[in-house]
N, C-alpha and C. Protein backbone atom coordinates (compact mmCIF):
# COMPACT_ATOMS: atom_id res chain seq x y z
N MET A 1 0.88 -0.96 0.22
CA MET A 1 0.30 -0.12 -0.16
C MET A 1 0.74 1.25 0.17
N ARG A 2 2.06 1.26 0.84
CA ARG A 2 2.65 2.20 0.84
C ARG A 2 3.58 2.78 -0.78
N ASP A 3 4.08 1.60 -1.32
CA ASP A 3 4.59 1.74 -2.45
C ASP A 3 3.25 2.13 -3.80
N LEU A 4 2.04 2.08 -3.40
CA LEU A 4 1.19 2.54 -3.95
C LEU A 4 0.69 4.09 -4.14
N TRP A 5 0.84 4.61 -2.89
CA TRP A 5 0.64 5.79 -2.57
C TRP A 5 1.67 6.37 -3.13
N GLY A 6 3.10 5.98 -2.84
CA GLY A 6 3.93 6.55 -3.24
C GLY A 6 4.15 6.67 -5.09
N ALA A 7 3.73 5.52 -5.56
CA ALA A 7 3.55 5.63 -7.44
C ALA A 7 2.59 7.15 -7.42
N VAL A 8 1.33 7.13 -6.55
CA VAL A 8 0.26 8.04 -6.92
C VAL A 8 1.34 9.29 -7.06
N ILE A 9 1.86 9.64 -5.82
CA ILE A 9 2.20 10.76 -5.57
C ILE A 9 3.32 11.56 -6.49
N LEU A 10 4.43 10.60 -6.79
CA LEU A 10 5.31 10.96 -7.88
C LEU A 10 4.51 10.90 -9.06
N LEU A 11 3.13 10.46 -9.80
CA LEU A 11 2.83 10.47 -10.87
C LEU A 11 2.16 11.84 -10.86
N ALA A 12 1.33 12.62 -9.24
CA ALA A 12 0.89 13.56 -9.75
C ALA A 12 1.80 14.96 -9.53
N THR A 13 2.87 14.79 -8.97
CA THR A 13 3.84 15.77 -8.58
C THR A 13 5.03 15.87 -9.96
N SER A 14 5.05 15.06 -10.80
CA SER A 14 6.32 14.88 -11.79
C SER A 14 5.75 15.98 -12.75
N ASN A 15 6.85 16.50 -13.55
CA ASN A 15 6.86 17.35 -14.38
C ASN A 15 5.74 18.36 -14.25
N ALA A 16 5.99 19.47 -12.95
CA ALA A 16 5.15 20.14 -12.57
C ALA A 16 4.72 21.34 -13.67
N LEU A 17 5.68 21.65 -14.38
CA LEU A 17 5.80 22.50 -15.38
C LEU A 17 4.49 22.41 -16.56
N ALA A 18 4.09 21.29 -16.39
CA ALA A 18 2.84 20.88 -17.27
C ALA A 18 1.59 20.80 -17.09
N ALA A 19 1.81 21.19 -15.45
CA ALA A 19 0.47 21.18 -14.74
C ALA A 19 -0.83 21.82 -15.16
N GLN A 20 -1.94 20.99 -15.08
CA GLN A 20 -3.30 21.92 -15.62
C GLN A 20 -3.70 23.11 -14.77
N ASP A 21 -3.33 22.78 -13.70
CA ASP A 21 -3.64 24.28 -12.57
C ASP A 21 -3.72 24.40 -11.43
N TRP A 22 -3.77 25.25 -10.43
CA TRP A 22 -3.74 25.26 -9.24
C TRP A 22 -4.93 25.76 -8.77
N ILE A 23 -5.76 25.27 -7.76
CA ILE A 23 -6.83 25.93 -7.36
C ILE A 23 -6.53 26.36 -5.65
N VAL A 24 -7.57 27.58 -5.44
CA VAL A 24 -7.49 27.88 -4.33
C VAL A 24 -8.80 27.81 -3.55
N GLY A 25 -9.45 27.81 -2.38
CA GLY A 25 -10.53 27.83 -2.06
C GLY A 25 -10.94 28.14 -0.51
N ALA A 26 -12.67 28.99 -0.66
CA ALA A 26 -12.78 29.10 0.97
C ALA A 26 -14.22 28.77 0.81
N GLY A 27 -14.79 28.01 2.10
CA GLY A 27 -15.98 27.99 2.10
C GLY A 27 -16.59 28.00 4.24
N PHE A 28 -17.80 26.85 3.83
CA PHE A 28 -17.61 26.54 5.53
C PHE A 28 -18.02 25.27 5.10
N ALA A 29 -17.75 24.29 6.20
CA ALA A 29 -17.62 22.77 6.57
C ALA A 29 -19.00 22.58 7.39
N ASP A 30 -19.77 21.69 7.34
CA ASP A 30 -20.86 21.36 8.33
C ASP A 30 -20.34 19.96 8.69
N PHE A 31 -20.54 19.23 10.11
CA PHE A 31 -20.03 17.98 10.12
C PHE A 31 -21.63 17.67 10.73
N SER A 32 -21.31 15.99 10.07
CA SER A 32 -22.87 15.42 10.65
C SER A 32 -22.87 14.98 11.90
N ASN A 33 -21.38 15.02 12.80
CA ASN A 33 -21.83 15.27 14.00
C ASN A 33 -22.42 16.00 14.91
N GLY A 34 -23.47 16.26 15.29
CA GLY A 34 -24.06 17.40 16.15
C GLY A 34 -22.82 17.73 17.42
N LEU A 35 -22.21 17.39 17.87
CA LEU A 35 -21.20 17.74 19.05
C LEU A 35 -20.10 18.39 18.10
N ALA A 36 -19.72 18.25 17.03
CA ALA A 36 -18.55 18.71 16.28
C ALA A 36 -18.72 20.27 15.94
N GLN A 37 -17.37 20.62 15.70
CA GLN A 37 -17.51 22.21 15.61
C GLN A 37 -17.25 22.48 13.69
N ASP A 38 -18.64 23.11 13.45
CA ASP A 38 -19.05 23.70 12.38
C ASP A 38 -17.46 25.00 11.62
N GLY A 39 -17.58 25.07 10.73
CA GLY A 39 -16.99 26.78 10.51
C GLY A 39 -16.12 26.29 8.92
N GLY A 40 -15.23 27.63 8.90
CA GLY A 40 -14.40 27.91 7.91
C GLY A 40 -13.57 26.97 7.13
N ILE A 41 -13.06 26.88 6.35
CA ILE A 41 -12.58 25.73 5.30
C ILE A 41 -12.14 26.67 4.57
N ALA A 42 -10.99 26.41 4.35
CA ALA A 42 -9.88 26.58 3.21
C ALA A 42 -8.80 25.38 2.49
N LEU A 43 -8.85 25.37 1.06
CA LEU A 43 -7.92 24.59 0.19
C LEU A 43 -7.16 24.85 -0.42
N VAL A 44 -6.33 23.96 -0.95
CA VAL A 44 -5.54 24.08 -2.17
C VAL A 44 -5.07 23.17 -3.00
N GLU A 45 -5.58 23.02 -4.19
CA GLU A 45 -5.52 21.87 -4.90
C GLU A 45 -4.43 21.89 -6.09
N TYR A 46 -4.10 20.66 -6.76
CA TYR A 46 -3.18 21.02 -7.82
C TYR A 46 -3.46 20.05 -8.69
N HIS A 47 -4.30 20.13 -9.87
CA HIS A 47 -4.56 19.22 -11.00
C HIS A 47 -3.42 19.39 -11.76
N HIS A 48 -3.21 18.02 -12.04
CA HIS A 48 -2.09 17.79 -12.90
C HIS A 48 -2.33 17.52 -14.26
N LYS A 49 -1.52 18.00 -15.33
CA LYS A 49 -2.09 17.79 -16.75
C LYS A 49 -2.77 16.32 -17.17
N PRO A 50 -3.85 16.42 -17.69
CA PRO A 50 -4.62 15.56 -18.05
C PRO A 50 -4.27 14.21 -18.42
N ILE A 51 -4.23 13.27 -18.10
CA ILE A 51 -4.01 11.66 -18.85
C ILE A 51 -4.90 11.08 -19.81
N ARG A 52 -5.94 12.13 -19.94
CA ARG A 52 -6.84 11.58 -20.86
C ARG A 52 -7.55 12.62 -21.36
N ASP A 53 -7.19 13.27 -22.35
CA ASP A 53 -7.93 14.60 -23.19
C ASP A 53 -8.58 14.56 -24.05
N SER A 54 -9.81 14.69 -24.01
CA SER A 54 -10.47 14.88 -25.58
C SER A 54 -11.47 15.98 -25.29
N SER A 55 -11.98 16.37 -27.01
CA SER A 55 -12.52 17.50 -26.91
C SER A 55 -13.47 18.21 -25.69
N ASP A 56 -14.08 17.32 -24.88
CA ASP A 56 -14.56 17.63 -23.79
C ASP A 56 -14.90 17.01 -22.51
N PHE A 57 -13.85 16.21 -22.17
CA PHE A 57 -13.49 15.86 -21.01
C PHE A 57 -12.27 15.41 -20.56
N GLN A 58 -11.43 15.99 -19.87
CA GLN A 58 -10.48 15.38 -19.22
C GLN A 58 -10.51 14.87 -17.79
N LEU A 59 -9.76 13.81 -18.06
CA LEU A 59 -8.93 12.93 -16.55
C LEU A 59 -7.51 13.03 -16.36
N GLY A 60 -7.29 13.37 -14.86
CA GLY A 60 -6.38 13.35 -14.68
C GLY A 60 -5.86 13.33 -13.17
N LEU A 61 -4.99 13.05 -12.54
CA LEU A 61 -4.47 12.93 -11.00
C LEU A 61 -4.45 14.71 -10.51
N GLY A 62 -4.59 14.56 -9.38
CA GLY A 62 -4.50 15.70 -8.50
C GLY A 62 -4.40 15.44 -7.20
N GLY A 63 -4.17 16.82 -6.49
CA GLY A 63 -4.09 16.60 -5.10
C GLY A 63 -4.80 17.82 -4.14
N ALA A 64 -5.03 17.22 -3.45
CA ALA A 64 -5.60 18.43 -2.42
C ALA A 64 -5.53 18.53 -0.89
N PHE A 65 -4.90 19.87 -0.25
CA PHE A 65 -5.15 19.98 1.21
C PHE A 65 -6.03 20.65 1.49
N THR A 66 -6.69 19.98 2.68
CA THR A 66 -7.75 21.01 3.00
C THR A 66 -7.30 21.49 4.71
N VAL A 67 -7.69 22.54 4.88
CA VAL A 67 -7.72 22.91 6.72
C VAL A 67 -8.98 23.87 7.18
N HIS A 68 -9.41 23.21 8.24
CA HIS A 68 -10.95 23.48 8.55
C HIS A 68 -10.12 24.97 9.67
N GLY A 69 -11.10 25.14 10.01
CA GLY A 69 -10.95 26.51 10.95
C GLY A 69 -10.82 26.01 12.27
N THR A 70 -11.09 25.09 12.90
CA THR A 70 -10.43 24.23 14.11
C THR A 70 -9.51 23.64 13.95
N GLY A 71 -8.55 23.95 12.73
CA GLY A 71 -7.01 23.04 12.89
C GLY A 71 -7.41 21.70 12.09
N ASP A 72 -8.41 20.98 11.62
CA ASP A 72 -8.36 19.64 11.47
C ASP A 72 -7.77 19.45 9.81
N LEU A 73 -6.97 18.63 9.45
CA LEU A 73 -6.15 19.00 8.55
C LEU A 73 -6.77 17.64 7.42
N HIS A 74 -6.80 17.66 6.23
CA HIS A 74 -6.79 16.76 5.21
C HIS A 74 -5.86 16.49 4.39
N LEU A 75 -5.10 15.90 3.49
CA LEU A 75 -4.54 15.54 2.85
C LEU A 75 -4.70 14.73 1.53
N GLY A 76 -4.97 15.04 0.34
CA GLY A 76 -6.13 13.62 -0.60
C GLY A 76 -5.27 13.97 -1.96
N VAL A 77 -4.99 12.35 -2.49
CA VAL A 77 -4.47 12.29 -4.30
C VAL A 77 -5.59 11.60 -4.54
N GLY A 78 -5.78 12.09 -5.78
CA GLY A 78 -6.54 11.00 -6.44
C GLY A 78 -6.95 11.32 -7.80
N LEU A 79 -8.54 10.79 -8.57
CA LEU A 79 -8.36 11.19 -9.67
C LEU A 79 -9.38 12.53 -9.75
N VAL A 80 -9.10 13.26 -11.12
CA VAL A 80 -9.94 14.27 -11.30
C VAL A 80 -10.44 14.48 -12.50
N GLY A 81 -11.71 14.23 -12.98
CA GLY A 81 -12.48 14.66 -14.00
C GLY A 81 -13.17 15.96 -14.33
N GLN A 82 -13.32 16.55 -15.62
CA GLN A 82 -13.69 17.82 -15.94
C GLN A 82 -14.54 17.87 -17.42
N LEU A 83 -15.56 17.98 -17.37
CA LEU A 83 -17.06 17.98 -18.62
C LEU A 83 -16.73 19.54 -19.21
N THR A 84 -16.22 19.44 -20.34
CA THR A 84 -16.52 21.05 -20.71
C THR A 84 -17.83 20.89 -21.19
N LEU A 85 -18.58 22.07 -20.72
CA LEU A 85 -20.17 22.62 -21.19
C LEU A 85 -20.07 23.51 -22.31
N SER A 86 -21.14 24.27 -22.55
CA SER A 86 -21.07 25.37 -23.56
C SER A 86 -20.85 26.51 -22.87
N ASN A 87 -20.25 27.85 -23.56
CA ASN A 87 -20.25 29.00 -23.07
C ASN A 87 -19.34 28.99 -21.90
N ASN A 88 -18.26 28.29 -21.71
CA ASN A 88 -16.88 28.09 -21.07
C ASN A 88 -17.70 27.68 -20.00
N TRP A 89 -18.63 26.87 -19.19
CA TRP A 89 -19.02 26.44 -18.26
C TRP A 89 -18.59 25.38 -18.32
N PHE A 90 -17.92 24.52 -17.34
CA PHE A 90 -17.34 23.38 -17.01
C PHE A 90 -18.33 22.56 -15.49
N PHE A 91 -18.45 21.02 -15.63
CA PHE A 91 -18.55 20.22 -14.11
C PHE A 91 -17.43 19.36 -14.08
N GLU A 92 -17.17 19.25 -12.82
CA GLU A 92 -15.99 18.85 -12.40
C GLU A 92 -16.01 17.67 -11.30
N GLY A 93 -15.69 16.91 -10.85
CA GLY A 93 -15.92 15.75 -10.05
C GLY A 93 -14.56 15.42 -9.63
N SER A 94 -14.46 14.54 -8.76
CA SER A 94 -12.91 14.06 -8.26
C SER A 94 -13.24 13.43 -7.09
N VAL A 95 -12.48 12.34 -6.63
CA VAL A 95 -12.46 11.37 -5.76
C VAL A 95 -10.60 11.52 -5.35
N MET A 96 -10.56 11.54 -3.82
CA MET A 96 -9.57 11.93 -3.16
C MET A 96 -9.05 11.06 -1.91
N PRO A 97 -9.03 9.76 -1.82
CA PRO A 97 -8.83 9.25 -0.43
C PRO A 97 -7.44 9.70 -0.04
N GLY A 98 -7.45 10.06 1.64
CA GLY A 98 -6.38 10.33 1.84
C GLY A 98 -6.17 10.38 3.55
N VAL A 99 -5.63 11.43 4.17
CA VAL A 99 -5.22 11.05 5.51
C VAL A 99 -6.01 12.39 6.38
N TYR A 100 -6.75 12.17 7.28
CA TYR A 100 -7.25 12.91 7.83
C TYR A 100 -6.67 13.56 9.63
N LEU A 101 -6.36 14.48 9.94
CA LEU A 101 -5.97 14.61 10.89
C LEU A 101 -6.62 15.54 11.86
N GLU A 102 -8.01 15.14 12.89
CA GLU A 102 -8.33 15.88 13.93
C GLU A 102 -7.68 16.82 14.69
N ARG A 103 -8.07 18.39 14.93
CA ARG A 103 -7.66 18.68 16.55
C ARG A 103 -8.50 18.44 17.38
N HIS A 104 -9.34 18.18 17.35
CA HIS A 104 -10.36 18.21 18.55
C HIS A 104 -11.21 16.67 18.25
N ALA A 105 -11.45 15.97 19.06
CA ALA A 105 -11.73 14.71 19.42
C ALA A 105 -13.09 14.90 18.93
N ARG A 106 -13.78 16.05 19.22
CA ARG A 106 -15.10 16.06 18.84
C ARG A 106 -15.28 16.06 17.09
N ASN A 107 -14.02 16.30 16.41
CA ASN A 107 -14.44 16.55 15.25
C ASN A 107 -13.71 15.33 14.22
N ASP A 108 -13.64 14.06 15.25
CA ASP A 108 -13.64 12.66 14.84
C ASP A 108 -13.97 12.46 13.55
N LEU A 109 -13.44 11.98 12.57
CA LEU A 109 -14.47 11.10 11.28
C LEU A 109 -14.19 9.78 11.47
N GLY A 110 -14.12 9.28 12.56
CA GLY A 110 -14.04 7.90 12.91
C GLY A 110 -12.45 7.00 12.62
N SER A 111 -11.33 7.37 11.48
CA SER A 111 -10.68 6.67 11.07
C SER A 111 -9.45 8.10 10.53
N ALA A 112 -8.40 7.72 10.35
CA ALA A 112 -7.14 8.65 9.78
C ALA A 112 -7.56 8.66 8.12
N PHE A 113 -8.19 7.39 7.73
CA PHE A 113 -8.20 7.15 6.18
C PHE A 113 -9.82 8.31 5.67
N GLU A 114 -9.91 8.50 4.77
CA GLU A 114 -11.07 9.54 4.40
C GLU A 114 -11.16 9.78 3.24
N ILE A 115 -12.02 9.84 2.60
CA ILE A 115 -12.21 9.76 1.05
C ILE A 115 -13.06 11.17 0.95
N ARG A 116 -12.30 12.03 0.06
CA ARG A 116 -12.55 13.64 -0.06
C ARG A 116 -13.59 13.12 -1.77
N SER A 117 -14.76 13.53 -1.62
CA SER A 117 -15.44 13.39 -3.17
C SER A 117 -15.80 14.98 -3.16
N LEU A 118 -16.39 15.51 -4.51
CA LEU A 118 -16.16 16.75 -4.69
C LEU A 118 -16.99 16.75 -6.56
N ILE A 119 -18.08 17.43 -6.36
CA ILE A 119 -19.03 18.02 -7.42
C ILE A 119 -18.78 19.68 -7.71
N ALA A 120 -18.51 20.11 -9.04
CA ALA A 120 -18.38 21.62 -8.78
C ALA A 120 -19.04 21.78 -10.31
N LEU A 121 -19.44 23.01 -10.17
CA LEU A 121 -20.16 23.63 -11.27
C LEU A 121 -19.00 25.16 -11.56
N GLY A 122 -18.70 25.62 -12.75
CA GLY A 122 -17.40 26.40 -12.97
C GLY A 122 -17.46 26.86 -14.15
N ARG A 123 -17.21 28.53 -14.03
CA ARG A 123 -16.80 28.82 -15.23
C ARG A 123 -15.44 29.58 -15.48
N GLN A 124 -14.71 29.08 -16.97
CA GLN A 124 -13.67 29.54 -17.27
C GLN A 124 -13.26 30.69 -17.98
N PHE A 125 -12.76 31.39 -17.76
CA PHE A 125 -12.83 32.94 -18.12
C PHE A 125 -11.55 33.03 -19.54
N ALA A 126 -11.51 33.83 -20.13
CA ALA A 126 -10.84 34.08 -21.59
C ALA A 126 -9.44 34.13 -21.21
N ASN A 127 -8.68 34.49 -20.03
CA ASN A 127 -7.52 34.24 -19.79
C ASN A 127 -7.20 32.71 -19.03
N GLY A 128 -7.93 31.98 -19.21
CA GLY A 128 -7.91 30.36 -18.96
C GLY A 128 -8.07 30.39 -17.02
N SER A 129 -8.11 31.00 -16.58
CA SER A 129 -8.57 31.27 -15.29
C SER A 129 -10.14 30.93 -14.89
N GLY A 130 -10.57 30.32 -13.88
CA GLY A 130 -11.71 30.21 -13.56
C GLY A 130 -12.13 30.41 -12.38
N LEU A 131 -13.77 30.26 -11.82
CA LEU A 131 -14.25 30.29 -10.50
C LEU A 131 -15.35 29.09 -10.57
N SER A 132 -15.48 28.20 -9.26
CA SER A 132 -15.97 27.46 -9.68
C SER A 132 -16.81 27.21 -7.82
N LEU A 133 -18.02 26.36 -7.97
CA LEU A 133 -18.94 26.40 -6.44
C LEU A 133 -18.70 25.03 -6.42
N ALA A 134 -18.20 24.76 -5.67
CA ALA A 134 -18.30 22.98 -4.92
C ALA A 134 -18.59 22.64 -3.97
N PHE A 135 -19.16 21.29 -3.76
CA PHE A 135 -19.75 20.68 -2.54
C PHE A 135 -18.78 19.53 -2.44
N THR A 136 -18.31 19.30 -1.07
CA THR A 136 -17.14 18.10 -0.96
C THR A 136 -17.83 17.04 0.01
N HIS A 137 -17.61 16.19 -0.04
CA HIS A 137 -18.08 15.24 1.38
C HIS A 137 -16.68 14.42 1.65
N LYS A 138 -16.80 14.50 2.80
CA LYS A 138 -15.51 13.31 3.54
C LYS A 138 -16.10 12.21 4.12
N SER A 139 -15.81 11.42 4.11
CA SER A 139 -16.23 9.65 4.85
C SER A 139 -15.05 9.02 4.61
N ASN A 140 -15.46 8.19 6.22
CA ASN A 140 -14.12 6.80 5.43
C ASN A 140 -15.14 5.59 4.79
N ALA A 141 -16.08 5.86 4.10
CA ALA A 141 -16.50 4.72 3.30
C ALA A 141 -16.98 3.51 4.26
N SER A 142 -17.58 4.20 5.15
CA SER A 142 -17.81 2.90 6.18
C SER A 142 -16.92 1.87 6.66
N ILE A 143 -15.73 2.11 6.36
CA ILE A 143 -14.41 1.11 6.68
C ILE A 143 -14.11 1.11 8.59
N ALA A 144 -15.03 2.60 9.16
CA ALA A 144 -14.48 2.75 10.80
C ALA A 144 -15.75 2.46 11.17
N VAL A 145 -16.33 1.86 12.35
CA VAL A 145 -17.43 2.37 13.40
C VAL A 145 -18.26 3.53 13.12
N HIS A 146 -17.24 3.93 13.84
CA HIS A 146 -17.82 5.73 13.56
C HIS A 146 -17.77 6.16 12.01
N LYS A 147 -18.55 6.65 11.55
CA LYS A 147 -18.67 7.16 10.29
C LYS A 147 -19.38 8.51 10.01
N PRO A 148 -19.43 9.82 11.08
CA PRO A 148 -20.22 10.61 10.81
C PRO A 148 -20.11 11.65 9.53
N GLY A 149 -18.62 11.63 9.04
CA GLY A 149 -18.61 12.19 7.79
C GLY A 149 -18.72 14.06 7.94
N VAL A 150 -18.29 15.17 6.70
CA VAL A 150 -18.40 16.46 6.89
C VAL A 150 -18.61 16.74 5.16
N ASN A 151 -19.22 17.77 5.28
CA ASN A 151 -19.93 18.33 4.14
C ASN A 151 -19.30 19.90 4.15
N ALA A 152 -18.76 20.56 2.48
CA ALA A 152 -18.62 21.62 2.35
C ALA A 152 -19.06 22.25 1.33
N LEU A 153 -19.31 23.66 1.44
CA LEU A 153 -19.28 24.33 0.11
C LEU A 153 -18.44 25.41 0.14
N LEU A 154 -17.65 25.35 -0.73
CA LEU A 154 -16.67 26.20 -1.35
C LEU A 154 -17.01 27.06 -2.93
N LEU A 155 -16.25 28.37 -2.69
CA LEU A 155 -16.30 28.98 -3.82
C LEU A 155 -14.59 29.07 -4.19
N ARG A 156 -14.17 28.26 -5.32
CA ARG A 156 -12.73 28.20 -5.48
C ARG A 156 -12.38 29.24 -7.04
N TRP A 157 -11.13 29.08 -6.90
CA TRP A 157 -10.52 30.22 -8.09
C TRP A 157 -9.78 29.34 -8.87
N HIS A 158 -9.78 28.72 -10.20
CA HIS A 158 -8.55 28.39 -11.00
C HIS A 158 -7.65 29.14 -11.33
N LEU A 159 -6.21 28.55 -11.32
CA LEU A 159 -4.92 29.50 -11.47
C LEU A 159 -4.63 28.49 -12.58
N PRO A 160 -4.28 28.68 -14.06
CA PRO A 160 -3.33 27.90 -14.74
C PRO A 160 -2.08 28.26 -14.76
N ILE A 161 -1.52 27.18 -15.02
CA ILE A 161 -0.12 27.06 -14.66
C ILE A 161 0.39 27.01 -16.31
N ARG A 162 0.75 27.89 -16.79
CA ARG A 162 1.59 28.10 -18.36
C ARG A 162 2.69 27.11 -18.37
N ASP A 163 2.84 26.18 -19.66
CA ASP A 163 3.78 25.25 -19.92
C ASP A 163 5.14 26.13 -20.75
């Protein structure tokens, strides 16, 4: 398993100059556990150059680092897909398994292994940058006894990296 994660990270970070884009975002996170502390959330994502690129769909590797206002952290690596819609709109989805570290016990999601899934609707501008509204969910996919999950709504800014 350790070798698999190493290979995924190496693929996701190799040839950084050919990257598709960096994404920064902020929003609000709502934990399913009523005792947890909801609050602000910020993220930084890196989307590598697509490994599959057709006229209207791209599939690639990406990584995301999320920080909750309470100090909870998530670092994930996985697949990112983007479907191009008309008039420079796009739909994005990703699945990024990773490590979750809670700062307070009440924000425990059940295990250190948590999967972040994301769906987003966005618009790309003429200069290549974009803006999207994203919904994320983190959970342990029922591998732990305790599985409350956390949802977040984020506004994200996409910043292209030029070759």
